[in-house]
Protein backbone atom coordinates (compact mmCIF):
# COMPACT_ATOMS: atom_id res chain seq x y z
CA MET A 1 91.84 113.19 209.10
CA LYS A 2 92.80 115.55 206.25
CA GLN A 3 95.73 117.81 207.15
CA ALA A 4 94.95 121.52 207.23
CA LYS A 5 96.60 123.67 204.58
CA VAL A 6 98.89 126.53 205.55
CA ALA A 7 98.40 129.91 203.85
CA ILE A 8 100.25 133.23 203.75
CA VAL A 9 98.22 136.28 202.72
CA THR A 10 99.82 139.72 202.35
CA GLY A 11 97.99 143.03 202.49
CA ALA A 12 95.26 141.33 204.49
CA GLY A 13 94.45 143.86 207.19
CA GLN A 14 91.28 144.96 205.42
CA GLY A 15 89.44 144.87 202.11
CA ILE A 16 89.98 142.12 199.57
CA GLY A 17 93.00 140.65 201.36
CA LEU A 18 91.08 140.30 204.60
CA GLU A 19 88.18 138.56 202.86
CA ILE A 20 90.54 136.14 201.10
CA ALA A 21 92.13 135.34 204.45
CA ARG A 22 88.66 134.87 205.92
CA SER A 23 87.64 132.42 203.20
CA LEU A 24 90.77 130.36 203.84
CA CYS A 25 90.28 130.43 207.62
CA VAL A 26 86.66 129.34 207.40
CA ALA A 27 87.67 126.50 205.07
CA GLY A 28 90.14 125.25 207.66
CA SER A 29 93.52 126.63 206.58
CA HIS A 30 96.02 127.96 209.08
CA VAL A 31 96.79 131.53 208.00
CA ILE A 32 99.82 133.80 208.36
CA LEU A 33 98.20 137.21 207.94
CA ASN A 34 100.29 140.20 206.90
CA ASP A 35 99.61 143.91 206.68
CA LEU A 36 101.96 146.87 206.60
CA GLU A 37 100.14 148.48 209.53
CA GLN A 38 100.48 146.61 212.81
CA SER A 39 97.14 147.83 214.14
CA LEU A 40 95.29 146.48 211.09
CA THR A 41 97.15 143.18 211.36
CA GLU A 42 96.19 142.80 215.01
CA GLU A 43 92.56 143.74 214.41
CA ALA A 44 92.28 141.30 211.51
CA VAL A 45 93.83 138.45 213.49
CA SER A 46 91.49 139.10 216.40
CA SER A 47 88.44 139.19 214.13
CA LEU A 48 89.30 136.09 212.10
CA SER A 49 90.33 134.02 215.11
CA GLN A 50 86.72 134.03 216.28
CA GLU A 51 85.51 132.18 213.19
CA ALA A 52 88.61 130.35 211.99
CA LYS A 53 88.80 126.58 212.02
CA GLY A 54 92.59 126.79 211.98
CA ARG A 55 95.06 129.17 213.61
CA VAL A 56 95.61 132.78 212.51
CA ILE A 57 98.97 134.40 213.16
CA GLY A 58 99.84 138.01 212.38
CA CYS A 59 103.11 139.15 210.81
CA SER A 60 103.15 142.89 210.24
CA GLY A 61 105.54 144.77 207.98
CA ASP A 62 106.49 145.70 204.43
CA SER A 63 105.84 142.58 202.36
CA ALA A 64 108.14 143.80 199.59
CA LYS A 65 111.17 143.55 201.87
CA PRO A 66 113.16 140.28 201.71
CA GLU A 67 113.61 140.16 205.49
CA LEU A 68 109.87 140.29 206.12
CA ILE A 69 109.19 137.70 203.42
CA GLN A 70 111.71 135.35 205.02
CA GLU A 71 110.16 135.99 208.43
CA MET A 72 106.76 134.86 207.12
CA MET A 73 108.23 131.72 205.56
CA ASP A 74 110.15 130.86 208.72
CA LEU A 75 107.03 131.43 210.82
CA ALA A 76 104.94 129.12 208.65
CA ILE A 77 107.54 126.34 208.72
CA ARG A 78 108.22 126.72 212.44
CA GLU A 79 104.56 126.68 213.42
CA PHE A 80 103.07 124.35 210.80
CA GLY A 81 105.87 122.68 208.85
CA THR A 82 104.61 123.60 205.38
CA VAL A 83 103.52 126.37 203.01
CA ASP A 84 100.59 125.36 200.80
CA GLN A 85 98.82 128.55 199.69
CA VAL A 86 100.31 131.99 199.13
CA VAL A 87 98.41 135.13 198.15
CA ALA A 88 100.47 138.09 196.95
CA ASN A 89 97.76 140.64 197.60
CA ALA A 90 99.72 143.61 198.98
CA GLY A 91 99.88 146.51 196.57
CA ILE A 92 99.64 150.26 196.28
CA THR A 93 97.88 152.62 193.89
CA LEU A 94 99.42 156.03 193.26
CA PHE A 95 97.30 158.05 190.85
CA GLY A 96 98.86 160.67 188.61
CA SER A 97 99.00 162.09 185.13
CA PHE A 98 101.52 160.25 182.95
CA LEU A 99 103.19 163.48 181.84
CA ASP A 100 103.72 164.61 185.43
CA TYR A 101 104.30 161.26 187.15
CA SER A 102 107.38 161.30 189.36
CA MET A 103 110.17 158.76 189.26
CA GLU A 104 109.77 158.29 193.02
CA ASP A 105 106.10 157.31 192.69
CA PHE A 106 106.88 155.02 189.76
CA GLN A 107 109.63 153.22 191.66
CA GLU A 108 107.46 152.75 194.74
CA VAL A 109 104.57 151.27 192.75
CA MET A 110 106.95 148.85 191.03
CA ARG A 111 108.74 147.99 194.28
CA VAL A 112 105.58 147.01 196.11
CA ASN A 113 103.47 145.59 193.29
CA GLN A 114 106.10 143.89 191.14
CA LEU A 115 109.19 143.29 193.24
CA GLY A 116 107.19 142.30 196.31
CA THR A 117 105.16 139.80 194.32
CA PHE A 118 108.27 138.41 192.63
CA LEU A 119 110.24 137.94 195.86
CA LEU A 120 107.31 136.45 197.79
CA THR A 121 106.67 133.95 195.02
CA GLN A 122 110.34 133.05 194.78
CA ALA A 123 110.60 132.39 198.52
CA ALA A 124 107.39 130.34 198.60
CA ALA A 125 108.32 128.30 195.53
CA ARG A 126 111.66 127.36 197.04
CA ILE A 127 109.75 125.72 199.89
CA MET A 128 106.90 124.29 197.81
CA LYS A 129 109.18 122.56 195.30
CA SER A 130 110.44 120.23 198.03
CA GLN A 131 106.91 119.29 199.10
CA PRO A 132 105.32 116.24 197.48
CA LYS A 133 102.03 118.16 197.16
CA GLY A 134 103.54 121.32 195.65
CA GLY A 135 101.37 124.34 196.37
CA SER A 136 99.14 127.10 195.01
CA ILE A 137 100.07 130.76 194.53
CA LEU A 138 97.73 133.62 193.66
CA PHE A 139 98.45 137.19 192.58
CA THR A 140 95.99 140.04 192.99
CA SER A 141 96.00 141.95 189.71
CA SER A 142 93.42 144.44 188.43
CA VAL A 143 91.16 145.14 185.48
CA THR A 144 93.47 148.07 184.78
CA GLY A 145 95.98 145.49 183.57
CA HIS A 146 93.50 144.79 180.74
CA GLN A 147 91.80 148.09 179.97
CA SER A 148 92.95 151.69 179.98
CA HIS A 149 92.12 153.84 183.01
CA GLU A 150 93.11 157.48 183.25
CA ASN A 151 95.91 158.45 185.67
CA LEU A 152 96.89 154.84 186.35
CA ALA A 153 99.63 154.16 183.80
CA ALA A 154 102.21 152.94 186.32
CA TYR A 155 99.73 150.92 188.35
CA ALA A 156 98.27 149.31 185.22
CA MET A 157 101.76 148.46 184.02
CA SER A 158 102.59 146.77 187.33
CA LYS A 159 99.41 144.67 187.27
CA ALA A 160 99.86 143.54 183.67
CA ALA A 161 103.38 142.54 184.68
CA VAL A 162 102.31 140.24 187.51
CA GLU A 163 99.81 138.52 185.23
CA MET A 164 102.62 137.80 182.79
CA LEU A 165 104.73 136.55 185.70
CA ALA A 166 102.01 134.04 186.56
CA LYS A 167 101.91 132.82 182.99
CA ASN A 168 105.67 132.68 182.58
CA LEU A 169 106.30 130.78 185.82
CA VAL A 170 104.19 127.86 184.61
CA LEU A 171 107.31 126.74 182.73
CA GLU A 172 109.44 126.61 185.85
CA LEU A 173 106.98 125.75 188.61
CA ALA A 174 104.52 123.27 187.10
CA PRO A 175 107.08 120.43 187.23
CA PHE A 176 107.06 120.81 191.02
CA GLY A 177 103.27 120.68 191.28
CA ILE A 178 103.09 124.42 191.97
CA ARG A 179 100.10 126.19 190.44
CA ILE A 180 100.18 129.94 189.95
CA ASN A 181 97.29 132.14 188.90
CA ALA A 182 96.05 135.71 189.17
CA ILE A 183 92.75 137.35 189.92
CA ALA A 184 91.84 140.74 188.43
CA PRO A 185 89.16 142.57 190.43
CA GLY A 186 87.12 145.39 188.97
CA ALA A 187 85.50 148.12 191.04
CA THR A 188 85.14 146.77 194.58
CA LEU A 189 83.62 148.22 197.73
CA THR A 190 86.34 148.37 200.37
CA GLU A 191 87.30 150.70 203.20
CA ARG A 192 89.51 152.61 200.77
CA THR A 193 87.12 152.99 197.86
CA THR A 194 84.04 153.84 199.91
CA SER A 195 85.84 156.85 201.35
CA ASP A 196 84.66 158.39 198.08
CA PRO A 197 80.92 159.04 198.63
CA ASP A 198 80.24 158.75 194.88
CA TYR A 199 82.13 155.51 194.32
CA ALA A 200 79.29 153.00 194.76
CA ALA A 201 76.82 154.99 192.67
CA THR A 202 79.33 155.69 189.91
CA TRP A 203 80.44 152.09 189.52
CA SER A 204 76.93 150.71 189.85
CA ARG A 205 76.09 152.81 186.80
CA LEU A 206 79.19 151.70 184.86
CA THR A 207 79.08 147.97 185.68
CA PRO A 208 76.85 145.82 183.42
CA LEU A 209 75.64 143.70 186.36
CA GLY A 210 74.46 146.90 188.04
CA LYS A 211 76.71 147.17 191.06
CA ALA A 212 80.31 147.25 192.20
CA ALA A 213 81.69 144.05 193.68
CA GLU A 214 81.87 143.39 197.38
CA ALA A 215 85.19 142.12 198.74
CA LYS A 216 83.54 138.74 199.33
CA ASP A 217 82.83 138.41 195.60
CA ILE A 218 86.55 138.64 194.88
CA ALA A 219 87.49 136.39 197.79
CA GLU A 220 85.23 133.56 196.67
CA ALA A 221 86.78 133.56 193.20
CA ALA A 222 90.25 133.72 194.76
CA TYR A 223 89.47 130.79 197.04
CA PHE A 224 88.44 128.70 194.04
CA LEU A 225 91.79 129.28 192.32
CA LEU A 226 93.69 128.45 195.50
CA SER A 227 91.67 125.31 196.23
CA ASP A 228 91.97 121.76 194.97
CA ALA A 229 88.84 122.41 192.88
CA ALA A 230 91.18 124.32 190.53
CA ARG A 231 93.86 121.62 190.56
CA HIS A 232 94.22 121.67 186.74
CA ILE A 233 94.29 125.46 186.37
CA THR A 234 97.59 127.34 186.23
CA GLY A 235 98.99 130.37 184.46
CA GLN A 236 95.58 132.01 184.19
CA THR A 237 93.98 135.31 185.18
CA LEU A 238 90.35 135.39 186.29
CA ILE A 239 88.64 138.77 185.85
CA VAL A 240 85.92 139.52 188.41
CA ASP A 241 84.38 142.82 187.37
CA GLY A 242 80.65 142.43 186.74
CA GLY A 243 81.32 142.71 183.02
CA TRP A 244 83.11 146.08 183.05
CA THR A 245 86.03 145.05 180.82
CA ALA A 246 83.56 143.90 178.16
CA ILE A 247 82.54 147.52 177.56
CA SER A 248 84.99 149.59 179.68
CA PRO A 249 83.13 152.89 180.21
CA SER A 250 85.25 155.48 181.97
CA PRO A 251 84.21 157.07 185.26
CA TYR A 252 85.50 160.36 183.85
CA ASP A 253 83.17 160.48 180.83
């Protein structure tokens, strides 16, 4: 019988992270599910446990903090003995005009989006390099790392940075059988974005395929990159945006 893979997914209490965790659970992976908010973590674990083929364990907290990262690694090893798939999905978006953007907001975006991704990857790779089968790591980036979007200079900078991290780490991690890729979602319908009543209509108009993505659309692409079907793919970023970056119309026009 094929051994189940063990996955860690951060920022998975709702939205894209939750759907990525769901795709892994349904495929048979055991999942350590993280979200900053304990209530979202508990709700997600309860929901996924009803359809998961493997086990789902919650680990709530700030995924950019080294102590929490180590807690997730220790939990995976203690419960399952391995770490096979890691998704650095946790991130924050703080909008603001470049000329007025505060140092505090800038530092927080970089702490969560860049430092958190870096430290999570480092901790996972230290485990994966000693495994004969290596492992697969995925970053959640954004189309804003490829095309300009007003009031998102810091966020865009952080997402372009993690894509470069994925490419750069090929040099150091490929020899251990560790693959590392990124996925760059475009406009996606989630609990956060649909709080704007105009979001779906606006992005349906701006997206060449005629609609914003659903979280499942992103999750299915993410699952491919994490799976053995992508065993010869590393250092790449897959854009899932319905064609938006091909023409890049602004929602503010």
